[in-house]
Amino acid sequence: MSPKEEATPQVAVATVLSAGTRAVGELHSSDDLVLVGSFEGRLRVDRALRIMPEGRLQGEVQAERILVLGQTQGSLHAQQRIEIKPGAVVSGEVVAPQIRIHEGVILNAKVHMSGPVGPPRHYLLPALLKSYAEGPREDLEETEQAAENFLRGMGFDLETRAERADRSGALRPIFRCREPLPYPKLRERLQRVEQALRAASAPAAAGATPEAPLQVTGTGGAREVAQALARLRRAALVVGPVALVRLDENPGDLHLSVRVRRTLPESAGVDGPDPATLLLSLQKLQHELLDELS
């Protein structure tokens, strides 16, 4: 493979907005995204975004890698690199650590080469599931499984699980991010976890199907967590610094709230915290939250 071929983002499993499609709103994609139609709004892509020659994009974009062959207006932010191919028309702002602009591009944009964001790492994410009232063991296990499925869909795989609850009665599994991430990417992913849990705990999430086609990534899995947690009388699920809490005494009622003990720091040096330090910090936060709820 030639160096020029290596520079082009490779699309494996991808979501495609096909020709003739016009989407407006906010869209998060955990897969690669290929834009052949048009999109207006706020777009977040966990992996590579490819804007084809027919593609039209207007708004704010955040992705790991961006390849532009079509037309964009707004801000393009990439965590790794942006490449603008011949024939592309780009206006607004272009920000990435690596930027390549070919001849034959119409460019009316501010170009900013951002600094390093730190090395990618496999971060560890502690979780906590605590029931404060007696109830069927099956309901607790169902909540635990729903939480695992939700986090798996958000890019975390189970690292370790205790065979039984600790002395406080809490289950404390630890998850590992599926692929190496720079620290800012981890912060964004946990923000999406919070957004999904908030969306799922809203009253409309009790069974109503949202009409809007563009939804927060992970809301479906988070809704399953909320419905499973609602079968317990009093319980809390904590993912990193985010807690989904049920303190109502009526089983089955979806009376849930989301609490954030403290968000992750904006930055911790160029490299960010090492995974072990972050794990201990989050576990301490979860202990504090558990004490507050007891």
C-alpha atoms as a PDB file:
ATOM      1  CA  MET A   1       0.000   0.000   0.000  1.00  0.00           C
ATOM      2  CA  SER A   2       1.436   3.397  -0.988  1.00  0.00           C
ATOM      3  CA  PRO A   3       1.778   6.261   1.548  1.00  0.00           C
ATOM      4  CA  LYS A   4      -0.885   8.204  -0.339  1.00  0.00           C
ATOM      5  CA  GLU A   5      -3.359   5.346   0.090  1.00  0.00           C
ATOM      6  CA  GLU A   6      -2.564   5.079   3.796  1.00  0.00           C
ATOM      7  CA  ALA A   7      -3.438   8.759   4.254  1.00  0.00           C
ATOM      8  CA  THR A   8      -7.040   8.196   3.194  1.00  0.00           C
ATOM      9  CA  PRO A   9      -9.458   7.216   5.998  1.00  0.00           C
ATOM     10  CA  GLN A  10     -10.592   3.650   5.440  1.00  0.00           C
ATOM     11  CA  VAL A  11     -14.309   2.934   5.777  1.00  0.00           C
ATOM     12  CA  ALA A  12     -15.136  -0.525   7.111  1.00  0.00           C
ATOM     13  CA  VAL A  13     -18.526  -0.861   8.827  1.00  0.00           C
ATOM     14  CA  ALA A  14     -20.196   2.417   7.928  1.00  0.00           C
ATOM     15  CA  THR A  15     -23.455   4.297   8.183  1.00  0.00           C
ATOM     16  CA  VAL A  16     -24.422   5.861   4.850  1.00  0.00           C
ATOM     17  CA  LEU A  17     -26.588   8.916   4.335  1.00  0.00           C
ATOM     18  CA  SER A  18     -27.412   8.170   0.713  1.00  0.00           C
ATOM     19  CA  ALA A  19     -28.032  10.467  -2.233  1.00  0.00           C
ATOM     20  CA  GLY A  20     -31.394  12.196  -1.993  1.00  0.00           C
ATOM     21  CA  THR A  21     -31.340  12.065   1.819  1.00  0.00           C
ATOM     22  CA  ARG A  22     -31.602  15.402   3.626  1.00  0.00           C
ATOM     23  CA  ALA A  23     -31.139  15.244   7.404  1.00  0.00           C
ATOM     24  CA  VAL A  24     -31.440  18.162   9.803  1.00  0.00           C
ATOM     25  CA  GLY A  25     -30.659  18.102  13.518  1.00  0.00           C
ATOM     26  CA  GLU A  26     -28.071  16.367  15.693  1.00  0.00           C
ATOM     27  CA  LEU A  27     -26.563  13.006  14.812  1.00  0.00           C
ATOM     28  CA  HIS A  28     -24.056  10.808  16.672  1.00  0.00           C
ATOM     29  CA  SER A  29     -22.573   7.807  14.864  1.00  0.00           C
ATOM     30  CA  SER A  30     -20.409   5.192  16.569  1.00  0.00           C
ATOM     31  CA  ASP A  31     -19.421   3.748  13.161  1.00  0.00           C
ATOM     32  CA  ASP A  32     -17.756   5.321  10.170  1.00  0.00           C
ATOM     33  CA  LEU A  33     -20.123   7.654   8.341  1.00  0.00           C
ATOM     34  CA  VAL A  34     -20.343   8.236   4.584  1.00  0.00           C
ATOM     35  CA  LEU A  35     -22.255  11.349   3.518  1.00  0.00           C
ATOM     36  CA  VAL A  36     -23.617  11.192  -0.018  1.00  0.00           C
ATOM     37  CA  GLY A  37     -26.750  13.256   0.632  1.00  0.00           C
ATOM     38  CA  SER A  38     -26.978  16.436   2.709  1.00  0.00           C
ATOM     39  CA  PHE A  39     -26.817  17.122   6.420  1.00  0.00           C
ATOM     40  CA  GLU A  40     -27.428  20.329   8.354  1.00  0.00           C
ATOM     41  CA  GLY A  41     -26.796  20.596  12.079  1.00  0.00           C
ATOM     42  CA  ARG A  42     -24.398  19.060  14.561  1.00  0.00           C
ATOM     43  CA  LEU A  43     -22.598  15.854  13.642  1.00  0.00           C
ATOM     44  CA  ARG A  44     -20.395  13.640  15.806  1.00  0.00           C
ATOM     45  CA  VAL A  45     -18.655  10.579  14.411  1.00  0.00           C
ATOM     46  CA  ASP A  46     -16.616   8.246  16.600  1.00  0.00           C
ATOM     47  CA  ARG A  47     -14.523   7.073  13.683  1.00  0.00           C
ATOM     48  CA  ALA A  48     -14.054   8.340  10.110  1.00  0.00           C
ATOM     49  CA  LEU A  49     -16.320  10.751   8.236  1.00  0.00           C
ATOM     50  CA  ARG A  50     -16.172  10.662   4.429  1.00  0.00           C
ATOM     51  CA  ILE A  51     -18.000  13.440   2.547  1.00  0.00           C
ATOM     52  CA  MET A  52     -18.450  12.234  -1.013  1.00  0.00           C
ATOM     53  CA  PRO A  53     -18.416  14.555  -4.080  1.00  0.00           C
ATOM     54  CA  GLU A  54     -22.233  14.698  -4.003  1.00  0.00           C
ATOM     55  CA  GLY A  55     -22.270  15.310  -0.245  1.00  0.00           C
ATOM     56  CA  ARG A  56     -23.325  18.640   1.254  1.00  0.00           C
ATOM     57  CA  LEU A  57     -22.708  19.455   4.898  1.00  0.00           C
ATOM     58  CA  GLN A  58     -23.553  22.596   6.873  1.00  0.00           C
ATOM     59  CA  GLY A  59     -22.923  22.953  10.600  1.00  0.00           C
ATOM     60  CA  GLU A  60     -20.545  21.679  13.260  1.00  0.00           C
ATOM     61  CA  VAL A  61     -18.630  18.426  12.800  1.00  0.00           C
ATOM     62  CA  GLN A  62     -16.494  16.430  15.231  1.00  0.00           C
ATOM     63  CA  ALA A  63     -14.886  13.181  14.100  1.00  0.00           C
ATOM     64  CA  GLU A  64     -11.764  11.118  14.515  1.00  0.00           C
ATOM     65  CA  ARG A  65     -10.783  11.543  10.844  1.00  0.00           C
ATOM     66  CA  ILE A  66     -12.426  13.555   8.065  1.00  0.00           C
ATOM     67  CA  LEU A  67     -12.066  13.164   4.309  1.00  0.00           C
ATOM     68  CA  VAL A  68     -13.756  15.878   2.197  1.00  0.00           C
ATOM     69  CA  LEU A  69     -14.552  15.423  -1.481  1.00  0.00           C
ATOM     70  CA  GLY A  70     -17.808  17.428  -1.485  1.00  0.00           C
ATOM     71  CA  GLN A  71     -18.961  20.744  -0.027  1.00  0.00           C
ATOM     72  CA  THR A  72     -18.924  21.863   3.605  1.00  0.00           C
ATOM     73  CA  GLN A  73     -19.856  25.070   5.382  1.00  0.00           C
ATOM     74  CA  GLY A  74     -19.166  25.452   9.091  1.00  0.00           C
ATOM     75  CA  SER A  75     -16.563  23.958  11.418  1.00  0.00           C
ATOM     76  CA  LEU A  76     -14.680  20.708  10.853  1.00  0.00           C
ATOM     77  CA  HIS A  77     -12.863  19.355  13.926  1.00  0.00           C
ATOM     78  CA  ALA A  78     -10.903  16.099  13.755  1.00  0.00           C
ATOM     79  CA  GLN A  79      -8.955  14.429  16.514  1.00  0.00           C
ATOM     80  CA  GLN A  80      -6.419  12.904  14.130  1.00  0.00           C
ATOM     81  CA  ARG A  81      -6.459  14.368  10.624  1.00  0.00           C
ATOM     82  CA  ILE A  82      -8.451  16.172   7.929  1.00  0.00           C
ATOM     83  CA  GLU A  83      -7.805  15.621   4.229  1.00  0.00           C
ATOM     84  CA  ILE A  84      -9.443  17.816   1.574  1.00  0.00           C
ATOM     85  CA  LYS A  85      -9.376  16.314  -1.913  1.00  0.00           C
ATOM     86  CA  PRO A  86      -9.427  18.049  -5.343  1.00  0.00           C
ATOM     87  CA  GLY A  87     -12.856  19.415  -6.236  1.00  0.00           C
ATOM     88  CA  ALA A  88     -13.926  19.953  -2.626  1.00  0.00           C
ATOM     89  CA  VAL A  89     -15.385  23.290  -1.525  1.00  0.00           C
ATOM     90  CA  VAL A  90     -14.780  24.129   2.138  1.00  0.00           C
ATOM     91  CA  SER A  91     -15.725  27.287   4.028  1.00  0.00           C
ATOM     92  CA  GLY A  92     -15.727  28.110   7.738  1.00  0.00           C
ATOM     93  CA  GLU A  93     -13.113  26.516  10.015  1.00  0.00           C
ATOM     94  CA  VAL A  94     -10.817  23.492   9.765  1.00  0.00           C
ATOM     95  CA  VAL A  95      -9.112  22.203  12.938  1.00  0.00           C
ATOM     96  CA  ALA A  96      -6.995  19.054  13.362  1.00  0.00           C
ATOM     97  CA  PRO A  97      -3.487  17.963  14.437  1.00  0.00           C
ATOM     98  CA  GLN A  98      -2.799  16.947  10.807  1.00  0.00           C
ATOM     99  CA  ILE A  99      -4.313  18.707   7.791  1.00  0.00           C
ATOM    100  CA  ARG A 100      -3.680  17.933   4.127  1.00  0.00           C
ATOM    101  CA  ILE A 101      -5.137  20.172   1.412  1.00  0.00           C
ATOM    102  CA  HIS A 102      -4.705  19.045  -2.190  1.00  0.00           C
ATOM    103  CA  GLU A 103      -4.484  21.227  -5.289  1.00  0.00           C
ATOM    104  CA  GLY A 104      -7.816  21.990  -6.920  1.00  0.00           C
ATOM    105  CA  VAL A 105      -9.593  22.757  -3.627  1.00  0.00           C
ATOM    106  CA  ILE A 106     -11.752  25.859  -3.134  1.00  0.00           C
ATOM    107  CA  LEU A 107     -10.959  26.874   0.448  1.00  0.00           C
ATOM    108  CA  ASN A 108     -12.505  29.838   2.257  1.00  0.00           C
ATOM    109  CA  ALA A 109     -11.815  28.788   5.830  1.00  0.00           C
ATOM    110  CA  LYS A 110      -9.606  29.403   8.827  1.00  0.00           C
ATOM    111  CA  VAL A 111      -7.141  26.532   9.134  1.00  0.00           C
ATOM    112  CA  HIS A 112      -5.758  25.671  12.559  1.00  0.00           C
ATOM    113  CA  MET A 113      -3.278  22.886  13.282  1.00  0.00           C
ATOM    114  CA  SER A 114      -4.252  21.846  16.797  1.00  0.00           C
ATOM    115  CA  GLY A 115      -1.722  20.485  19.272  1.00  0.00           C
ATOM    116  CA  PRO A 116      -1.412  16.881  20.410  1.00  0.00           C
ATOM    117  CA  VAL A 117      -4.253  15.400  22.436  1.00  0.00           C
ATOM    118  CA  GLY A 118      -2.206  12.774  24.208  1.00  0.00           C
ATOM    119  CA  PRO A 119      -1.613   9.133  23.346  1.00  0.00           C
ATOM    120  CA  PRO A 120      -4.552   6.756  22.975  1.00  0.00           C
ATOM    121  CA  ARG A 121      -5.022   4.374  25.898  1.00  0.00           C
ATOM    122  CA  HIS A 122      -7.342   1.596  26.996  1.00  0.00           C
ATOM    123  CA  TYR A 123      -9.031   3.394  29.907  1.00  0.00           C
ATOM    124  CA  LEU A 124     -10.752   1.499  32.710  1.00  0.00           C
ATOM    125  CA  LEU A 125     -14.271   2.520  33.701  1.00  0.00           C
ATOM    126  CA  PRO A 126     -15.674   1.416  37.076  1.00  0.00           C
ATOM    127  CA  ALA A 127     -19.408   0.864  37.484  1.00  0.00           C
ATOM    128  CA  LEU A 128     -21.525   0.313  40.572  1.00  0.00           C
ATOM    129  CA  LEU A 129     -24.950  -1.283  40.997  1.00  0.00           C
ATOM    130  CA  LYS A 130     -26.542  -0.996  44.426  1.00  0.00           C
ATOM    131  CA  SER A 131     -29.992  -2.030  45.632  1.00  0.00           C
ATOM    132  CA  TYR A 132     -31.156  -0.507  48.919  1.00  0.00           C
ATOM    133  CA  ALA A 133     -34.194  -2.729  49.370  1.00  0.00           C
ATOM    134  CA  GLU A 134     -34.966  -6.422  49.270  1.00  0.00           C
ATOM    135  CA  GLY A 135     -36.202  -7.721  45.952  1.00  0.00           C
ATOM    136  CA  PRO A 136     -35.966 -10.665  43.571  1.00  0.00           C
ATOM    137  CA  ARG A 137     -32.398 -11.525  42.654  1.00  0.00           C
ATOM    138  CA  GLU A 138     -33.551 -11.891  39.048  1.00  0.00           C
ATOM    139  CA  ASP A 139     -34.414  -8.180  38.874  1.00  0.00           C
ATOM    140  CA  LEU A 140     -30.927  -7.221  40.028  1.00  0.00           C
ATOM    141  CA  GLU A 141     -29.307  -9.592  37.543  1.00  0.00           C
ATOM    142  CA  GLU A 142     -31.499  -8.213  34.751  1.00  0.00           C
ATOM    143  CA  THR A 143     -30.381  -4.667  35.603  1.00  0.00           C
ATOM    144  CA  GLU A 144     -26.767  -5.790  35.675  1.00  0.00           C
ATOM    145  CA  GLN A 145     -27.095  -7.405  32.240  1.00  0.00           C
ATOM    146  CA  ALA A 146     -28.865  -4.362  30.802  1.00  0.00           C
ATOM    147  CA  ALA A 147     -26.067  -2.128  32.097  1.00  0.00           C
ATOM    148  CA  GLU A 148     -23.447  -4.369  30.477  1.00  0.00           C
ATOM    149  CA  ASN A 149     -25.307  -4.297  27.162  1.00  0.00           C
ATOM    150  CA  PHE A 150     -25.631  -0.511  27.330  1.00  0.00           C
ATOM    151  CA  LEU A 151     -21.927   0.030  28.003  1.00  0.00           C
ATOM    152  CA  ARG A 152     -20.968  -2.465  25.328  1.00  0.00           C
ATOM    153  CA  GLY A 153     -22.956  -0.395  22.868  1.00  0.00           C
ATOM    154  CA  MET A 154     -21.118   2.723  24.070  1.00  0.00           C
ATOM    155  CA  GLY A 155     -17.731   1.166  23.313  1.00  0.00           C
ATOM    156  CA  PHE A 156     -16.794  -0.518  26.634  1.00  0.00           C
ATOM    157  CA  ASP A 157     -16.263  -4.229  27.208  1.00  0.00           C
ATOM    158  CA  LEU A 158     -16.432  -6.001  30.568  1.00  0.00           C
ATOM    159  CA  GLU A 159     -12.978  -6.309  32.135  1.00  0.00           C
ATOM    160  CA  THR A 160     -13.808  -7.945  35.465  1.00  0.00           C
ATOM    161  CA  ARG A 161     -16.869  -8.834  37.531  1.00  0.00           C
ATOM    162  CA  ALA A 162     -17.008  -9.902  41.185  1.00  0.00           C
ATOM    163  CA  GLU A 163     -18.762 -13.163  41.937  1.00  0.00           C
ATOM    164  CA  ARG A 164     -20.772 -11.526  44.720  1.00  0.00           C
ATOM    165  CA  ALA A 165     -21.611  -8.098  46.094  1.00  0.00           C
ATOM    166  CA  ASP A 166     -19.202  -6.368  48.487  1.00  0.00           C
ATOM    167  CA  ARG A 167     -19.949  -5.653  52.152  1.00  0.00           C
ATOM    168  CA  SER A 168     -22.068  -2.631  51.236  1.00  0.00           C
ATOM    169  CA  GLY A 169     -24.212  -4.818  48.967  1.00  0.00           C
ATOM    170  CA  ALA A 170     -22.904  -3.209  45.762  1.00  0.00           C
ATOM    171  CA  LEU A 171     -21.788  -4.941  42.608  1.00  0.00           C
ATOM    172  CA  ARG A 172     -18.714  -3.221  41.159  1.00  0.00           C
ATOM    173  CA  PRO A 173     -17.781  -4.411  37.665  1.00  0.00           C
ATOM    174  CA  ILE A 174     -14.951  -2.717  35.773  1.00  0.00           C
ATOM    175  CA  PHE A 175     -15.101  -2.034  32.034  1.00  0.00           C
ATOM    176  CA  ARG A 176     -12.340  -1.295  29.540  1.00  0.00           C
ATOM    177  CA  CYS A 177     -12.733   0.917  26.473  1.00  0.00           C
ATOM    178  CA  ARG A 178     -12.799  -1.317  23.434  1.00  0.00           C
ATOM    179  CA  GLU A 179     -10.160   0.577  21.457  1.00  0.00           C
ATOM    180  CA  PRO A 180      -7.386   2.921  22.582  1.00  0.00           C
ATOM    181  CA  LEU A 181      -8.664   6.471  23.099  1.00  0.00           C
ATOM    182  CA  PRO A 182      -7.014   9.830  23.708  1.00  0.00           C
ATOM    183  CA  TYR A 183      -8.254  11.351  26.949  1.00  0.00           C
ATOM    184  CA  PRO A 184     -10.491  14.043  25.351  1.00  0.00           C
ATOM    185  CA  LYS A 185     -12.228  11.272  23.406  1.00  0.00           C
ATOM    186  CA  LEU A 186     -12.956   9.431  26.661  1.00  0.00           C
ATOM    187  CA  ARG A 187     -14.505  12.582  28.128  1.00  0.00           C
ATOM    188  CA  GLU A 188     -16.748  12.940  25.077  1.00  0.00           C
ATOM    189  CA  ARG A 189     -17.823   9.312  25.318  1.00  0.00           C
ATOM    190  CA  LEU A 190     -18.775   9.655  28.993  1.00  0.00           C
ATOM    191  CA  GLN A 191     -20.727  12.797  28.130  1.00  0.00           C
ATOM    192  CA  ARG A 192     -22.708  10.692  25.658  1.00  0.00           C
ATOM    193  CA  VAL A 193     -23.281   8.107  28.399  1.00  0.00           C
ATOM    194  CA  GLU A 194     -24.736  10.898  30.553  1.00  0.00           C
ATOM    195  CA  GLN A 195     -26.878  12.218  27.689  1.00  0.00           C
ATOM    196  CA  ALA A 196     -28.260   8.760  26.947  1.00  0.00           C
ATOM    197  CA  LEU A 197     -29.138   8.109  30.604  1.00  0.00           C
ATOM    198  CA  ARG A 198     -30.809  11.508  30.897  1.00  0.00           C
ATOM    199  CA  ALA A 199     -32.848  10.852  27.760  1.00  0.00           C
ATOM    200  CA  ALA A 200     -33.864   7.411  29.033  1.00  0.00           C
ATOM    201  CA  SER A 201     -34.889   8.710  32.481  1.00  0.00           C
ATOM    202  CA  ALA A 202     -37.194  11.373  31.030  1.00  0.00           C
ATOM    203  CA  PRO A 203     -40.930  10.624  31.491  1.00  0.00           C
ATOM    204  CA  ALA A 204     -41.449  10.189  27.736  1.00  0.00           C
ATOM    205  CA  ALA A 205     -38.978   7.287  27.758  1.00  0.00           C
ATOM    206  CA  ALA A 206     -41.419   5.030  29.627  1.00  0.00           C
ATOM    207  CA  GLY A 207     -42.540   3.475  26.352  1.00  0.00           C
ATOM    208  CA  ALA A 208     -43.066   6.264  23.884  1.00  0.00           C
ATOM    209  CA  THR A 209     -41.126   6.097  20.643  1.00  0.00           C
ATOM    210  CA  PRO A 210     -39.398   9.370  19.742  1.00  0.00           C
ATOM    211  CA  GLU A 211     -40.615  10.817  16.462  1.00  0.00           C
ATOM    212  CA  ALA A 212     -37.310  12.482  15.589  1.00  0.00           C
ATOM    213  CA  PRO A 213     -35.119  10.221  13.386  1.00  0.00           C
ATOM    214  CA  LEU A 214     -31.911  11.656  14.861  1.00  0.00           C
ATOM    215  CA  GLN A 215     -31.457  10.403  18.417  1.00  0.00           C
ATOM    216  CA  VAL A 216     -28.748  10.450  21.031  1.00  0.00           C
ATOM    217  CA  THR A 217     -26.409   7.492  20.547  1.00  0.00           C
ATOM    218  CA  GLY A 218     -27.067   4.801  23.145  1.00  0.00           C
ATOM    219  CA  THR A 219     -30.583   5.897  24.132  1.00  0.00           C
ATOM    220  CA  GLY A 220     -32.090   2.516  23.248  1.00  0.00           C
ATOM    221  CA  GLY A 221     -29.698   0.625  25.539  1.00  0.00           C
ATOM    222  CA  ALA A 222     -30.063   3.243  28.266  1.00  0.00           C
ATOM    223  CA  ARG A 223     -33.853   2.864  28.120  1.00  0.00           C
ATOM    224  CA  GLU A 224     -33.483  -0.862  28.778  1.00  0.00           C
ATOM    225  CA  VAL A 225     -31.334  -0.021  31.805  1.00  0.00           C
ATOM    226  CA  ALA A 226     -33.964   2.430  33.083  1.00  0.00           C
ATOM    227  CA  GLN A 227     -36.790  -0.070  32.659  1.00  0.00           C
ATOM    228  CA  ALA A 228     -34.802  -2.795  34.445  1.00  0.00           C
ATOM    229  CA  LEU A 229     -33.860  -0.408  37.267  1.00  0.00           C
ATOM    230  CA  ALA A 230     -37.521   0.567  37.624  1.00  0.00           C
ATOM    231  CA  ARG A 231     -38.320  -3.000  38.717  1.00  0.00           C
ATOM    232  CA  LEU A 232     -36.227  -2.457  41.849  1.00  0.00           C
ATOM    233  CA  ARG A 233     -37.611  -0.533  44.803  1.00  0.00           C
ATOM    234  CA  ARG A 234     -34.621   1.650  45.640  1.00  0.00           C
ATOM    235  CA  ALA A 235     -31.423   1.357  43.629  1.00  0.00           C
ATOM    236  CA  ALA A 236     -28.588   3.225  41.930  1.00  0.00           C
ATOM    237  CA  LEU A 237     -26.442   2.506  38.894  1.00  0.00           C
ATOM    238  CA  VAL A 238     -23.228   4.533  38.703  1.00  0.00           C
ATOM    239  CA  VAL A 239     -21.126   4.626  35.525  1.00  0.00           C
ATOM    240  CA  GLY A 240     -17.933   6.570  36.085  1.00  0.00           C
ATOM    241  CA  PRO A 241     -19.071   9.915  37.548  1.00  0.00           C
ATOM    242  CA  VAL A 242     -22.692   9.532  36.326  1.00  0.00           C
ATOM    243  CA  ALA A 243     -25.444   7.962  38.450  1.00  0.00           C
ATOM    244  CA  LEU A 244     -28.920   6.790  37.451  1.00  0.00           C
ATOM    245  CA  VAL A 245     -30.836   6.741  40.732  1.00  0.00           C
ATOM    246  CA  ARG A 246     -34.211   5.299  41.711  1.00  0.00           C
ATOM    247  CA  LEU A 247     -35.369   6.149  45.230  1.00  0.00           C
ATOM    248  CA  ASP A 248     -39.086   5.563  44.770  1.00  0.00           C
ATOM    249  CA  GLU A 249     -40.810   2.824  46.780  1.00  0.00           C
ATOM    250  CA  ASN A 250     -43.250   1.705  44.079  1.00  0.00           C
ATOM    251  CA  PRO A 251     -41.733  -1.022  41.898  1.00  0.00           C
ATOM    252  CA  GLY A 252     -42.367  -0.551  38.210  1.00  0.00           C
ATOM    253  CA  ASP A 253     -42.713   3.229  38.299  1.00  0.00           C
ATOM    254  CA  LEU A 254     -40.130   4.984  36.145  1.00  0.00           C
ATOM    255  CA  HIS A 255     -39.194   7.580  38.773  1.00  0.00           C
ATOM    256  CA  LEU A 256     -35.530   7.997  37.941  1.00  0.00           C
ATOM    257  CA  SER A 257     -33.045  10.833  38.087  1.00  0.00           C
ATOM    258  CA  VAL A 258     -29.502  11.348  36.806  1.00  0.00           C
ATOM    259  CA  ARG A 259     -26.845  12.785  39.068  1.00  0.00           C
ATOM    260  CA  VAL A 260     -23.283  13.722  38.183  1.00  0.00           C
ATOM    261  CA  ARG A 261     -20.966  13.675  41.188  1.00  0.00           C
ATOM    262  CA  ARG A 262     -18.225  15.463  39.326  1.00  0.00           C
ATOM    263  CA  THR A 263     -17.308  15.453  35.646  1.00  0.00           C
ATOM    264  CA  LEU A 264     -13.891  14.379  34.462  1.00  0.00           C
ATOM    265  CA  PRO A 265     -11.296  17.157  34.439  1.00  0.00           C
ATOM    266  CA  GLU A 266     -11.062  19.196  31.245  1.00  0.00           C
ATOM    267  CA  SER A 267      -7.390  18.293  30.961  1.00  0.00           C
ATOM    268  CA  ALA A 268      -4.663  16.682  32.980  1.00  0.00           C
ATOM    269  CA  GLY A 269      -1.538  17.517  31.026  1.00  0.00           C
ATOM    270  CA  VAL A 270      -1.005  16.591  27.397  1.00  0.00           C
ATOM    271  CA  ASP A 271      -1.231  12.882  28.095  1.00  0.00           C
ATOM    272  CA  GLY A 272      -4.179  12.976  30.483  1.00  0.00           C
ATOM    273  CA  PRO A 273      -4.292  10.737  33.578  1.00  0.00           C
ATOM    274  CA  ASP A 274      -3.005   7.194  33.278  1.00  0.00           C
ATOM    275  CA  PRO A 275      -5.747   4.525  33.346  1.00  0.00           C
ATOM    276  CA  ALA A 276      -4.910   3.278  36.869  1.00  0.00           C
ATOM    277  CA  THR A 277      -5.011   6.794  38.361  1.00  0.00           C
ATOM    278  CA  LEU A 278      -8.323   7.575  36.659  1.00  0.00           C
ATOM    279  CA  LEU A 279      -9.791   4.261  37.848  1.00  0.00           C
ATOM    280  CA  LEU A 280      -8.911   4.993  41.481  1.00  0.00           C
ATOM    281  CA  SER A 281     -10.264   8.535  41.189  1.00  0.00           C
ATOM    282  CA  LEU A 282     -13.594   7.355  39.781  1.00  0.00           C
ATOM    283  CA  GLN A 283     -13.905   4.605  42.397  1.00  0.00           C
ATOM    284  CA  LYS A 284     -13.414   7.220  45.114  1.00  0.00           C
ATOM    285  CA  LEU A 285     -16.152   9.372  43.587  1.00  0.00           C
ATOM    286  CA  GLN A 286     -18.469   6.387  43.519  1.00  0.00           C
ATOM    287  CA  HIS A 287     -17.810   5.648  47.202  1.00  0.00           C
ATOM    288  CA  GLU A 288     -18.702   9.256  48.013  1.00  0.00           C
ATOM    289  CA  LEU A 289     -21.884   9.051  45.974  1.00  0.00           C
ATOM    290  CA  LEU A 290     -22.859   5.778  47.615  1.00  0.00           C
ATOM    291  CA  ASP A 291     -22.438   7.414  51.051  1.00  0.00           C
ATOM    292  CA  GLU A 292     -24.652  10.317  50.003  1.00  0.00           C
ATOM    293  CA  LEU A 293     -27.437   8.008  48.857  1.00  0.00           C
ATOM    294  CA  SER A 294     -27.310   5.715  51.910  1.00  0.00           C
END
